[in-house]
Amino acid sequence: MSVIDFILRFFSFFSWQIILQPLFKMIRRLFSTLIADYPPAGEFLASTPPNSGSQSSKGGTGDGGGGSLKASFRSSHLESLNWLHSVSPCFPVSGDCIDVICDPSSFYNTLLEKCSKAQHRIMLASLYLGIGNLETRLVDAISENMKRNLQLKVDVLLDFTRGTRGERNSQTTLMPLLQQSDNFQLSLYHTPVLRGLTKRLAPPRWNELLGIQHIKLYLVDDTVIISGANLSNDYFTNRQDRYVMIEDQRLANFYAEFLHKVQEFSLKVNRAGEANLHENWNMLPYKSAQIDFATEARDRIRNYFQGVMERQRKEFEEDKESDTWIFPLIEMGQLGIHHDSLVTKSLLSGCLTESKLNLATGYFNLTETYMDTLTNECRAECSILMAHPNANGFLGAKGPAGGIPAAYSLIAKKFYEKLKQSNQHHRVSLLEYERNGWTYHAKGLWYYLPGSSQPNLTLVGSSNFGERSVNRDLEAQIALVTTNGSLQRKLQAEYENILQHSSTAEAQLDAREVPRWVRAVVGLFRNFF
C-alpha cells in the first residue's frame, strides 16, 4: 500500500480524530515527497523576472527568447513595469476593445449571446460544466448554432475528475454535442499525479486534491473572456467573480492554439463516452512515467510560448498606437512550469514607494513566498480582500470540507499576526466580502503607480495565489497594463463594486472561533485546498 493510500484510509477509519502535531508534520513530509515526481521547473522562458525590488527600466535578467530585449513602454510613467516584456509575450491592443463585466448574470448572458452567434469557433476551458437549467440552455444554444452553421468548431476543455464526478456530470451533459457533430471535441485533463492504487481507491472529491485543470478561458471567434468563474449555476447567478472581455484576433488566436496544446496532453472523449489519448500524444497520464509525461507536456507549452514571444516582440516594436498591453501568464506546477507565480512575486516585490496595491482571493491561503514578500519586500499600501466565512463556497459542506472556511480564517489570522510582529500592519489591511445570499470567488490584483487614482495594472484569471495554484493546478491569468482612461475607470469601478460588500477583517479574525480539529490539521493539508 502506498503512503497516499495509507493516509486516505487512515483518516477514513478514524474520522479525522486529532493526531499529534509531530506525526502530522511527518506525514505531510512523506506525502509531499511522494507526489513531487515531476521535472524541475528551471526557466520556463529564456528570461526570468527581475530580482526582488528591482526598479530597472530595462527589467528582466535574460534575453527573452533570443537577442537583447530592451522593450519599454512609451509612457515614462510605466517605466517600472518595463521588465514584463522580458517574461511574457506582449499583445498591444486598444483599451476601447476591452470590457469589464461586473456581475454573474451579465457574464452568463454575454457568454450565451456570443455562443449563439459564433461564426467559426467556440473554445471553453473551465474546471467543469454544471448540470442545471442555465448550463443546459448554454449547451442547447451551442447545439442550435452548430446545426445552422456547419463550419462552426467547438472545443471544450475540462478537468477529468471534476468533469466526470457523479452519474450526471459535465461529460454526460456534453455528450449530445459530441454525438451531433464531428466539429465538437471534448477534452478532459487528467493530472499525471493521480495513478495506481490512489486512482482506484480515492473517492470522488478526494481525487481532486492532487491536481486539476483550473484554467477559465472562454473564447468565441475573436473574443476572449478571461475569468475565475466556472460554467455553473452559482457562477451565473450569485457567486461574485471577475470577467474581462477582450476583442482582439491575435490574442484570440494565441489562446486558441494554447488550448489546443493543452488538449494534446489531455484525454479526448469519443462518441461512446470513452476517454482516450489525443492523436498527437502517446502517454497515458496515469500509466506512463510521471516525469516523462510532465517533461513532454512542459516542453510543448514552453516551445509554443517562446515562439510567440519572439513574434510578439516584433509586433510591439512596430506598434505606435496601442494604449493597453496584455501579458499572458500560466502556471502548471506539476508539469514543472512556474511562470505566473514568478511574475506575481516580482510584481509584489517591485511595488514602488507611495504606490497602492489591492489584492483579492476567494480563498485566503497565500503561499509562504507571497506572504513573506508582502510583509518584507512590498513597499505599496496594500489591502487584501477575501471571503468572509459566510461567503465561502465550502460553508456547510459535509465532512472535513466543512472546516475549510475556518481554516482560511486561521491562516489569515496568523498572517495578520506576522504583519504585526514585523510592524507592517499599518501598511497592509485585511478585508472580508459578505453579501446576503452570495458567495465570493473573485481574485486578482489592481496596482496603482505613485500619483495614480485608478489602476495602471491588473492581474485577472484563475489563480487564487495559493499553494494549489502554484504547485498543483493548471492556471492562466493575464497582466493587463493600460493608460486608457476609460478602461482604468472600468477597472476601478469593478473593484469598488466588490468593495461595497466588504468590511475590515482584523477584529473579526481575532474574535472568530476556530475548531480545535481544524487547528490540528490545517498545517498538514494546507497544500491541498
Protein backbone atom coordinates (compact mmCIF):
# COMPACT_ATOMS: atom_id res chain seq x y z
CA MET A 1 0.00 0.00 0.00
CA SER A 2 1.35 3.48 -0.95
CA VAL A 3 1.71 6.33 1.52
CA ILE A 4 -1.18 8.17 -0.15
CA ASP A 5 -3.47 5.15 0.21
CA PHE A 6 -2.47 4.76 3.84
CA ILE A 7 -3.35 8.39 4.58
CA LEU A 8 -6.71 8.20 2.85
CA ARG A 9 -7.68 5.00 4.65
CA PHE A 10 -6.29 6.21 7.98
CA PHE A 11 -8.49 9.29 8.05
CA SER A 12 -11.49 7.36 6.76
CA PHE A 13 -11.25 4.80 9.60
CA PHE A 14 -10.58 7.30 12.39
CA SER A 15 -12.96 10.05 11.21
CA TRP A 16 -10.42 12.84 11.46
CA GLN A 17 -9.52 12.41 15.12
CA ILE A 18 -6.92 14.86 16.45
CA ILE A 19 -3.41 13.50 15.94
CA LEU A 20 -0.22 14.74 17.48
CA GLN A 21 1.36 17.60 15.58
CA PRO A 22 4.75 15.86 15.12
CA LEU A 23 3.01 12.96 13.39
CA PHE A 24 1.16 15.39 11.11
CA LYS A 25 4.42 17.02 10.09
CA MET A 26 5.97 13.65 9.33
CA ILE A 27 3.01 12.54 7.20
CA ARG A 28 2.95 15.84 5.35
CA ARG A 29 6.64 15.50 4.57
CA LEU A 30 6.16 11.98 3.25
CA PHE A 31 3.05 12.95 1.30
CA SER A 32 4.77 15.88 -0.41
CA THR A 33 7.84 13.81 -1.24
CA LEU A 34 5.78 11.03 -2.80
CA ILE A 35 3.79 13.19 -5.21
CA ALA A 36 6.59 15.53 -6.27
CA ASP A 37 7.85 13.33 -9.10
CA TYR A 38 7.75 15.98 -11.82
CA PRO A 39 10.55 17.76 -13.66
CA PRO A 40 12.42 20.62 -12.00
CA ALA A 41 10.99 23.96 -13.05
CA GLY A 42 14.14 25.52 -14.44
CA GLU A 43 13.32 28.60 -16.50
CA PHE A 44 10.01 28.50 -18.36
CA LEU A 45 11.14 31.17 -20.78
CA ALA A 46 14.67 32.25 -21.66
CA SER A 47 14.32 35.23 -19.34
CA THR A 48 13.36 35.38 -15.70
CA PRO A 49 11.68 38.12 -13.66
CA PRO A 50 13.91 40.83 -12.19
CA ASN A 51 15.40 40.49 -8.75
CA SER A 52 13.08 41.37 -5.90
CA GLY A 53 12.58 45.10 -5.63
CA SER A 54 14.25 45.82 -8.98
CA GLN A 55 13.21 49.15 -10.43
CA SER A 56 15.28 48.85 -13.60
CA SER A 57 13.60 50.29 -16.64
CA LYS A 58 15.03 47.50 -18.69
CA GLY A 59 13.69 44.80 -16.37
CA GLY A 60 14.40 41.12 -16.69
CA THR A 61 17.65 39.25 -16.45
CA GLY A 62 17.88 37.48 -19.76
CA ASP A 63 17.28 37.84 -23.44
CA GLY A 64 13.57 36.99 -23.54
CA GLY A 65 13.94 34.23 -26.11
CA GLY A 66 16.86 35.34 -28.26
CA GLY A 67 18.83 38.54 -28.54
CA SER A 68 18.89 41.50 -26.17
CA LEU A 69 15.39 42.54 -25.18
CA LYS A 70 15.10 46.25 -24.34
CA ALA A 71 11.41 46.78 -24.98
CA SER A 72 9.86 49.59 -23.00
CA PHE A 73 6.52 51.33 -22.74
CA ARG A 74 6.21 54.69 -24.45
CA SER A 75 4.99 56.32 -21.26
CA SER A 76 7.75 57.02 -18.74
CA HIS A 77 5.10 56.63 -16.02
CA LEU A 78 5.15 52.87 -16.74
CA GLU A 79 8.95 52.61 -16.62
CA SER A 80 8.99 50.39 -13.52
CA LEU A 81 6.89 47.81 -15.40
CA ASN A 82 9.15 47.51 -18.45
CA TRP A 83 10.52 44.18 -17.17
CA LEU A 84 7.22 42.49 -18.08
CA HIS A 85 8.37 42.47 -21.72
CA SER A 86 11.17 40.08 -20.80
CA VAL A 87 8.97 37.46 -19.13
CA SER A 88 5.89 37.07 -21.34
CA PRO A 89 4.63 37.67 -24.87
CA CYS A 90 3.14 41.15 -25.18
CA PHE A 91 -0.09 41.78 -27.10
CA PRO A 92 -0.64 45.51 -27.76
CA VAL A 93 -4.35 46.36 -28.01
CA SER A 94 -6.68 49.31 -27.78
CA GLY A 95 -8.26 49.70 -24.37
CA ASP A 96 -11.50 50.57 -26.14
CA CYS A 97 -11.70 46.92 -27.24
CA ILE A 98 -11.82 45.69 -23.63
CA ASP A 99 -14.86 45.49 -21.42
CA VAL A 100 -15.06 44.65 -17.72
CA ILE A 101 -18.11 42.57 -16.79
CA CYS A 102 -19.11 43.14 -13.17
CA ASP A 103 -21.76 40.58 -12.26
CA PRO A 104 -22.54 36.87 -12.81
CA SER A 105 -25.77 37.33 -14.76
CA SER A 106 -24.11 39.68 -17.25
CA PHE A 107 -21.30 37.16 -17.63
CA TYR A 108 -23.80 34.39 -18.40
CA ASN A 109 -25.88 36.49 -20.81
CA THR A 110 -22.75 37.64 -22.64
CA LEU A 111 -21.47 34.08 -22.98
CA LEU A 112 -24.89 32.83 -24.09
CA GLU A 113 -25.24 35.51 -26.75
CA LYS A 114 -21.70 35.06 -28.02
CA CYS A 115 -22.07 31.27 -28.30
CA SER A 116 -25.45 31.63 -30.03
CA LYS A 117 -23.95 33.86 -32.73
CA ALA A 118 -20.43 32.42 -33.09
CA GLN A 119 -19.28 32.19 -36.70
CA HIS A 120 -16.24 29.93 -36.75
CA ARG A 121 -15.03 28.86 -33.29
CA ILE A 122 -16.01 28.40 -29.68
CA MET A 123 -13.45 27.28 -27.11
CA LEU A 124 -14.44 26.87 -23.46
CA ALA A 125 -11.87 25.96 -20.79
CA SER A 126 -13.13 25.51 -17.25
CA LEU A 127 -12.90 23.24 -14.23
CA TYR A 128 -16.34 21.85 -15.00
CA LEU A 129 -19.74 22.49 -16.59
CA GLY A 130 -22.76 22.30 -14.31
CA ILE A 131 -25.89 20.24 -14.95
CA GLY A 132 -28.63 22.78 -14.18
CA ASN A 133 -31.08 24.66 -16.39
CA LEU A 134 -28.78 27.57 -17.21
CA GLU A 135 -25.97 25.23 -18.23
CA THR A 136 -28.35 23.17 -20.36
CA ARG A 137 -29.57 26.34 -22.04
CA LEU A 138 -25.99 27.23 -22.92
CA VAL A 139 -25.37 23.77 -24.38
CA ASP A 140 -28.62 23.98 -26.34
CA ALA A 141 -27.61 27.37 -27.77
CA ILE A 142 -24.30 25.90 -28.97
CA SER A 143 -26.13 22.90 -30.43
CA GLU A 144 -28.56 25.08 -32.39
CA ASN A 145 -25.72 27.21 -33.71
CA MET A 146 -23.82 24.12 -34.85
CA LYS A 147 -26.91 22.92 -36.73
CA ARG A 148 -27.21 26.25 -38.55
CA ASN A 149 -23.50 26.70 -39.15
CA LEU A 150 -21.76 23.52 -40.28
CA GLN A 151 -18.39 25.33 -40.28
CA LEU A 152 -18.50 26.13 -36.58
CA LYS A 153 -15.90 24.26 -34.50
CA VAL A 154 -16.40 23.84 -30.76
CA ASP A 155 -13.78 22.69 -28.25
CA VAL A 156 -14.38 22.20 -24.53
CA LEU A 157 -11.55 21.55 -22.05
CA LEU A 158 -12.48 20.45 -18.52
CA ASP A 159 -10.91 18.59 -15.64
CA PHE A 160 -11.25 14.80 -15.77
CA THR A 161 -12.01 14.15 -12.11
CA ARG A 162 -14.40 17.07 -11.62
CA GLY A 163 -15.99 16.70 -15.04
CA THR A 164 -16.88 13.03 -14.53
CA ARG A 165 -18.00 13.21 -10.89
CA GLY A 166 -21.42 11.62 -10.32
CA GLU A 167 -23.80 9.84 -12.69
CA ARG A 168 -24.93 13.15 -14.20
CA ASN A 169 -21.90 15.31 -14.84
CA SER A 170 -20.17 17.64 -17.26
CA GLN A 171 -19.38 14.85 -19.70
CA THR A 172 -22.90 13.45 -19.82
CA THR A 173 -24.27 16.98 -20.31
CA LEU A 174 -21.99 17.49 -23.32
CA MET A 175 -22.38 14.04 -24.92
CA PRO A 176 -25.28 15.19 -27.18
CA LEU A 177 -22.96 17.74 -28.80
CA LEU A 178 -20.26 15.12 -29.25
CA GLN A 179 -22.72 12.76 -30.93
CA GLN A 180 -24.20 15.54 -33.01
CA SER A 181 -21.11 16.65 -34.91
CA ASP A 182 -17.51 15.82 -35.69
CA ASN A 183 -16.82 19.53 -35.21
CA PHE A 184 -17.21 19.16 -31.44
CA GLN A 185 -14.31 18.00 -29.27
CA LEU A 186 -14.40 17.33 -25.52
CA SER A 187 -11.06 17.11 -23.75
CA LEU A 188 -10.53 16.14 -20.11
CA TYR A 189 -7.23 16.97 -18.43
CA HIS A 190 -6.07 14.20 -16.11
CA THR A 191 -3.27 15.03 -13.68
CA PRO A 192 -0.29 12.66 -14.02
CA VAL A 193 -0.12 12.53 -10.20
CA LEU A 194 -3.37 10.55 -9.85
CA ARG A 195 -2.36 6.96 -10.61
CA GLY A 196 -2.06 3.41 -9.29
CA LEU A 197 -3.90 2.46 -6.10
CA THR A 198 -4.66 6.11 -5.41
CA LYS A 199 -6.61 6.41 -8.67
CA ARG A 200 -8.52 3.22 -7.94
CA LEU A 201 -9.28 3.88 -4.27
CA ALA A 202 -9.51 7.66 -3.81
CA PRO A 203 -13.22 8.58 -3.80
CA PRO A 204 -14.70 11.45 -5.83
CA ARG A 205 -13.77 14.91 -4.50
CA TRP A 206 -10.75 13.40 -2.71
CA ASN A 207 -9.15 12.55 -6.04
CA GLU A 208 -9.34 16.23 -6.98
CA LEU A 209 -6.93 17.13 -4.18
CA LEU A 210 -3.91 16.03 -6.21
CA GLY A 211 -4.33 18.41 -9.13
CA ILE A 212 -6.94 19.75 -11.55
CA GLN A 213 -7.46 21.76 -14.73
CA HIS A 214 -8.36 25.16 -13.26
CA ILE A 215 -7.96 27.48 -16.29
CA LYS A 216 -11.03 29.63 -17.06
CA LEU A 217 -10.83 30.89 -20.65
CA TYR A 218 -13.87 31.47 -22.85
CA LEU A 219 -13.08 32.18 -26.48
CA VAL A 220 -15.70 32.92 -29.15
CA ASP A 221 -14.44 33.89 -32.61
CA ASP A 222 -12.07 36.78 -31.85
CA THR A 223 -13.38 37.48 -28.35
CA VAL A 224 -11.53 36.28 -25.24
CA ILE A 225 -13.13 36.30 -21.80
CA ILE A 226 -10.62 35.55 -19.07
CA SER A 227 -12.10 34.86 -15.69
CA GLY A 228 -12.00 32.88 -12.48
CA ALA A 229 -15.60 31.71 -12.93
CA ASN A 230 -16.64 28.17 -13.79
CA LEU A 231 -19.54 27.25 -16.06
CA SER A 232 -22.23 26.51 -13.49
CA ASN A 233 -25.36 27.97 -11.96
CA ASP A 234 -23.76 29.73 -8.97
CA TYR A 235 -21.22 31.46 -11.18
CA PHE A 236 -24.10 32.63 -13.41
CA THR A 237 -26.27 33.97 -10.59
CA ASN A 238 -24.91 34.77 -7.12
CA ARG A 239 -21.20 33.95 -6.90
CA GLN A 240 -19.06 37.07 -7.30
CA ASP A 241 -16.08 36.70 -9.63
CA ARG A 242 -14.19 38.73 -12.24
CA TYR A 243 -14.57 38.70 -16.02
CA VAL A 244 -12.53 40.72 -18.53
CA MET A 245 -13.59 40.55 -22.18
CA ILE A 246 -11.06 41.40 -24.90
CA GLU A 247 -11.81 41.75 -28.62
CA ASP A 248 -8.55 41.04 -30.44
CA GLN A 249 -7.86 38.49 -33.16
CA ARG A 250 -4.17 38.00 -32.38
CA LEU A 251 -4.83 37.36 -28.71
CA ALA A 252 -7.73 35.03 -29.56
CA ASN A 253 -5.53 33.07 -31.96
CA PHE A 254 -2.84 32.82 -29.30
CA TYR A 255 -5.21 31.39 -26.71
CA ALA A 256 -6.85 29.08 -29.25
CA GLU A 257 -3.50 27.50 -30.08
CA PHE A 258 -2.53 27.41 -26.41
CA LEU A 259 -5.69 25.49 -25.53
CA HIS A 260 -5.03 23.12 -28.44
CA LYS A 261 -1.63 22.39 -26.90
CA VAL A 262 -3.24 21.57 -23.55
CA GLN A 263 -5.78 19.37 -25.34
CA GLU A 264 -2.93 17.34 -26.79
CA PHE A 265 -1.88 16.00 -23.39
CA SER A 266 -5.47 15.75 -22.16
CA LEU A 267 -7.78 12.81 -22.78
CA LYS A 268 -10.12 13.01 -25.77
CA VAL A 269 -13.68 11.73 -25.32
CA ASN A 270 -15.19 9.74 -28.19
CA ARG A 271 -18.84 9.25 -29.13
CA ALA A 272 -19.04 6.16 -26.93
CA GLY A 273 -18.04 8.27 -23.93
CA GLU A 274 -14.56 6.73 -23.67
CA ALA A 275 -11.62 8.96 -22.76
CA ASN A 276 -8.62 8.07 -24.94
CA LEU A 277 -5.31 9.58 -25.98
CA HIS A 278 -5.24 12.57 -28.30
CA GLU A 279 -3.94 11.66 -31.76
CA ASN A 280 -0.82 13.79 -31.17
CA TRP A 281 0.07 12.20 -27.82
CA ASN A 282 1.24 8.71 -26.82
CA MET A 283 1.42 8.68 -22.98
CA LEU A 284 -1.50 7.98 -20.67
CA PRO A 285 -1.17 10.35 -17.70
CA TYR A 286 -1.89 7.63 -15.14
CA LYS A 287 0.22 4.84 -16.69
CA SER A 288 3.29 6.37 -18.29
CA ALA A 289 6.23 7.52 -16.18
CA GLN A 290 5.09 10.67 -14.47
CA ILE A 291 8.29 12.57 -15.16
CA ASP A 292 8.20 11.64 -18.87
CA PHE A 293 4.62 12.85 -19.22
CA ALA A 294 5.30 16.10 -17.37
CA THR A 295 8.54 16.84 -19.22
CA GLU A 296 7.00 16.38 -22.68
CA ALA A 297 3.94 18.47 -21.80
CA ARG A 298 6.12 21.23 -20.35
CA ASP A 299 8.38 21.30 -23.39
CA ARG A 300 5.45 21.65 -25.79
CA ILE A 301 3.98 24.56 -23.84
CA ARG A 302 7.36 26.24 -23.39
CA ASN A 303 8.32 25.92 -27.06
CA TYR A 304 5.00 27.43 -28.05
CA PHE A 305 5.38 30.38 -25.68
CA GLN A 306 8.94 31.05 -26.81
CA GLY A 307 7.89 31.18 -30.47
CA VAL A 308 5.03 33.54 -29.70
CA MET A 309 7.27 35.72 -27.56
CA GLU A 310 9.69 36.27 -30.43
CA ARG A 311 6.86 37.11 -32.84
CA GLN A 312 5.08 39.46 -30.45
CA ARG A 313 8.26 41.34 -29.67
CA LYS A 314 8.33 42.47 -33.29
CA GLU A 315 4.63 43.38 -33.10
CA PHE A 316 5.29 45.52 -30.05
CA GLU A 317 8.26 47.29 -31.63
CA GLU A 318 6.17 48.18 -34.69
CA ASP A 319 3.12 49.30 -32.71
CA LYS A 320 2.80 53.03 -32.18
CA GLU A 321 -0.88 53.45 -31.29
CA SER A 322 -1.93 50.95 -28.62
CA ASP A 323 -2.66 52.15 -25.10
CA THR A 324 -3.06 48.74 -23.45
CA TRP A 325 -0.78 45.72 -23.28
CA ILE A 326 -1.72 42.13 -22.45
CA PHE A 327 0.86 39.73 -20.97
CA PRO A 328 -0.42 36.10 -20.79
CA LEU A 329 0.76 34.18 -17.71
CA ILE A 330 0.39 30.49 -16.94
CA GLU A 331 1.19 28.15 -14.06
CA MET A 332 1.42 24.35 -14.30
CA GLY A 333 3.41 23.34 -11.26
CA GLN A 334 3.01 19.57 -11.70
CA LEU A 335 4.46 19.93 -15.19
CA GLY A 336 7.43 21.95 -13.95
CA ILE A 337 6.07 25.27 -15.24
CA HIS A 338 6.32 28.16 -12.77
CA HIS A 339 5.64 31.33 -14.70
CA ASP A 340 2.69 33.23 -13.26
CA SER A 341 3.95 32.78 -9.70
CA LEU A 342 7.37 34.25 -10.52
CA VAL A 343 5.83 37.24 -12.27
CA THR A 344 3.36 37.76 -9.41
CA LYS A 345 6.15 37.70 -6.83
CA SER A 346 8.10 40.24 -8.86
CA LEU A 347 5.06 42.50 -9.08
CA LEU A 348 4.61 42.34 -5.32
CA SER A 349 8.27 42.90 -4.51
CA GLY A 350 8.67 45.63 -7.14
CA CYS A 351 5.84 47.87 -5.95
CA LEU A 352 7.13 51.42 -5.66
CA THR A 353 7.04 53.58 -2.57
CA GLU A 354 3.75 55.54 -2.42
CA SER A 355 2.09 53.08 -4.79
CA LYS A 356 -1.09 51.18 -3.89
CA LEU A 357 -1.98 47.51 -4.29
CA ASN A 358 -5.38 45.88 -3.91
CA LEU A 359 -5.20 42.09 -3.90
CA ALA A 360 -8.18 39.73 -3.87
CA THR A 361 -8.55 35.99 -3.42
CA GLY A 362 -11.57 33.78 -2.98
CA TYR A 363 -9.63 31.57 -0.60
CA PHE A 364 -7.06 33.10 1.74
CA ASN A 365 -4.24 30.59 1.54
CA LEU A 366 -1.41 32.68 0.12
CA THR A 367 1.86 30.86 -0.36
CA GLU A 368 4.57 31.49 2.20
CA THR A 369 6.55 33.21 -0.55
CA TYR A 370 3.73 35.67 -1.28
CA MET A 371 3.15 36.36 2.42
CA ASP A 372 6.85 36.93 3.05
CA THR A 373 7.07 39.22 0.03
CA LEU A 374 4.05 41.29 1.08
CA THR A 375 5.46 41.57 4.58
CA ASN A 376 9.14 42.21 3.94
CA GLU A 377 9.64 43.45 0.36
CA CYS A 378 6.48 45.14 -0.91
CA ARG A 379 6.54 48.94 -0.46
CA ALA A 380 2.96 49.66 -1.53
CA GLU A 381 -0.01 50.41 0.68
CA CYS A 382 -1.88 47.10 0.47
CA SER A 383 -5.37 45.84 1.02
CA ILE A 384 -6.22 42.14 0.76
CA LEU A 385 -9.83 41.19 0.10
CA MET A 386 -11.05 37.67 0.86
CA ALA A 387 -14.28 35.79 1.53
CA HIS A 388 -15.98 36.05 4.90
CA PRO A 389 -16.79 32.50 6.13
CA ASN A 390 -20.46 33.19 5.30
CA ALA A 391 -19.46 33.94 1.70
CA ASN A 392 -17.20 30.91 1.34
CA GLY A 393 -18.42 28.26 -1.08
CA PHE A 394 -17.41 25.50 1.36
CA LEU A 395 -19.68 26.82 4.14
CA GLY A 396 -21.93 24.00 5.33
CA ALA A 397 -20.15 21.32 3.31
CA LYS A 398 -20.34 17.78 4.63
CA GLY A 399 -17.37 16.12 6.29
CA PRO A 400 -13.93 17.69 6.60
CA ALA A 401 -14.62 20.17 3.78
CA GLY A 402 -16.97 21.97 6.16
CA GLY A 403 -13.94 23.11 8.15
CA ILE A 404 -12.28 24.85 5.20
CA PRO A 405 -13.78 28.34 5.86
CA ALA A 406 -12.44 28.19 9.42
CA ALA A 407 -9.06 27.07 8.09
CA TYR A 408 -8.86 30.12 5.81
CA SER A 409 -9.72 32.37 8.76
CA LEU A 410 -6.97 30.76 10.81
CA ILE A 411 -4.39 31.27 8.05
CA ALA A 412 -5.45 34.91 7.65
CA LYS A 413 -5.23 35.47 11.41
CA LYS A 414 -1.70 34.04 11.52
CA PHE A 415 -0.71 36.25 8.60
CA TYR A 416 -2.02 39.33 10.37
CA GLU A 417 -0.08 38.36 13.49
CA LYS A 418 3.01 38.11 11.32
CA LEU A 419 2.34 41.61 9.96
CA LYS A 420 2.09 42.98 13.49
CA GLN A 421 5.32 41.27 14.55
CA SER A 422 7.05 42.89 11.56
CA ASN A 423 5.40 46.24 12.27
CA GLN A 424 3.76 46.20 8.84
CA HIS A 425 0.11 46.04 9.91
CA HIS A 426 -0.20 49.79 9.36
CA ARG A 427 0.65 49.22 5.65
CA VAL A 428 -1.39 46.06 4.95
CA SER A 429 -5.10 45.85 5.73
CA LEU A 430 -7.40 42.82 5.51
CA LEU A 431 -10.99 42.94 4.24
CA GLU A 432 -13.77 40.36 4.01
CA TYR A 433 -16.59 40.14 1.46
CA GLU A 434 -20.02 39.30 2.85
CA ARG A 435 -23.28 39.70 0.94
CA ASN A 436 -26.56 38.09 1.87
CA GLY A 437 -27.29 35.11 -0.38
CA TRP A 438 -23.99 35.41 -2.27
CA THR A 439 -20.65 33.63 -2.22
CA TYR A 440 -17.30 35.16 -3.18
CA HIS A 441 -14.79 33.85 -5.70
CA ALA A 442 -13.09 36.97 -7.14
CA LYS A 443 -9.31 37.02 -7.37
CA GLY A 444 -6.54 39.11 -8.86
CA LEU A 445 -4.95 42.46 -8.12
CA TRP A 446 -5.20 46.12 -9.03
CA TYR A 447 -1.95 48.10 -8.94
CA TYR A 448 -1.75 51.90 -8.78
CA LEU A 449 1.55 53.61 -9.52
CA PRO A 450 2.52 56.61 -7.36
CA GLY A 451 0.17 59.50 -8.06
CA SER A 452 -2.46 57.32 -9.79
CA SER A 453 -6.04 57.23 -8.53
CA GLN A 454 -7.02 54.48 -10.98
CA PRO A 455 -5.34 51.13 -11.74
CA ASN A 456 -2.36 51.07 -14.10
CA LEU A 457 -2.15 47.26 -14.00
CA THR A 458 -4.43 44.39 -13.13
CA LEU A 459 -3.96 40.66 -12.82
CA VAL A 460 -7.07 38.66 -13.66
CA GLY A 461 -7.62 34.96 -14.22
CA SER A 462 -7.94 31.67 -12.39
CA SER A 463 -5.15 31.81 -9.79
CA ASN A 464 -6.08 32.13 -6.11
CA PHE A 465 -2.41 32.89 -5.20
CA GLY A 466 -2.39 29.80 -3.00
CA GLU A 467 -0.42 26.59 -2.67
CA ARG A 468 -2.70 24.75 -5.10
CA SER A 469 -2.41 27.46 -7.74
CA VAL A 470 1.37 27.34 -7.66
CA ASN A 471 2.05 23.64 -7.23
CA ARG A 472 -0.95 21.51 -8.24
CA ASP A 473 -3.38 23.01 -10.74
CA LEU A 474 -3.28 24.35 -14.30
CA GLU A 475 -3.80 28.12 -14.13
CA ALA A 476 -3.94 31.07 -16.52
CA GLN A 477 -4.23 34.79 -15.99
CA ILE A 478 -3.15 37.98 -17.68
CA ALA A 479 -1.21 41.02 -16.60
CA LEU A 480 -3.01 43.95 -18.21
CA VAL A 481 -1.19 47.29 -18.31
CA THR A 482 -3.08 50.32 -19.57
CA THR A 483 -3.01 54.09 -19.98
CA ASN A 484 -6.54 54.13 -21.43
CA GLY A 485 -8.57 56.35 -19.12
CA SER A 486 -11.90 54.71 -19.91
CA LEU A 487 -10.56 51.22 -19.19
CA GLN A 488 -8.89 52.42 -15.99
CA ARG A 489 -12.24 53.78 -14.81
CA LYS A 490 -13.90 50.44 -15.60
CA LEU A 491 -11.29 48.57 -13.58
CA GLN A 492 -11.71 50.98 -10.68
CA ALA A 493 -15.50 50.60 -10.82
CA GLU A 494 -15.05 46.82 -10.83
CA TYR A 495 -13.05 46.95 -7.62
CA GLU A 496 -15.43 49.39 -5.95
CA ASN A 497 -18.38 47.17 -6.89
CA ILE A 498 -16.80 44.31 -4.95
CA LEU A 499 -15.60 46.56 -2.14
CA GLN A 500 -19.10 47.85 -1.35
CA HIS A 501 -19.92 44.47 0.18
CA SER A 502 -16.73 44.30 2.23
CA SER A 503 -15.64 45.31 5.72
CA THR A 504 -12.42 45.30 7.73
CA ALA A 505 -11.46 41.86 8.96
CA GLU A 506 -8.79 42.23 11.63
CA ALA A 507 -11.11 42.43 14.66
CA GLN A 508 -13.36 39.68 13.34
CA LEU A 509 -10.41 37.37 12.80
CA ASP A 510 -9.28 37.89 16.40
CA ALA A 511 -12.72 37.09 17.77
CA ARG A 512 -13.59 34.19 15.46
CA GLU A 513 -13.50 30.72 16.98
CA VAL A 514 -11.67 28.02 15.02
CA PRO A 515 -12.44 24.37 15.90
CA ARG A 516 -9.58 22.52 17.54
CA TRP A 517 -9.55 19.82 14.89
CA VAL A 518 -9.14 22.47 12.19
CA ARG A 519 -6.16 23.93 14.05
CA ALA A 520 -4.68 20.45 14.26
CA VAL A 521 -4.94 19.52 10.59
CA VAL A 522 -4.59 22.82 8.70
CA GLY A 523 -0.80 22.57 8.59
CA LEU A 524 -0.94 19.09 7.11
CA PHE A 525 -3.47 19.79 4.37
CA ARG A 526 -2.77 23.44 3.59
CA ASN A 527 -1.18 22.50 0.26
CA PHE A 528 -4.38 20.79 -0.89
CA PHE A 529 -7.09 23.44 -0.57
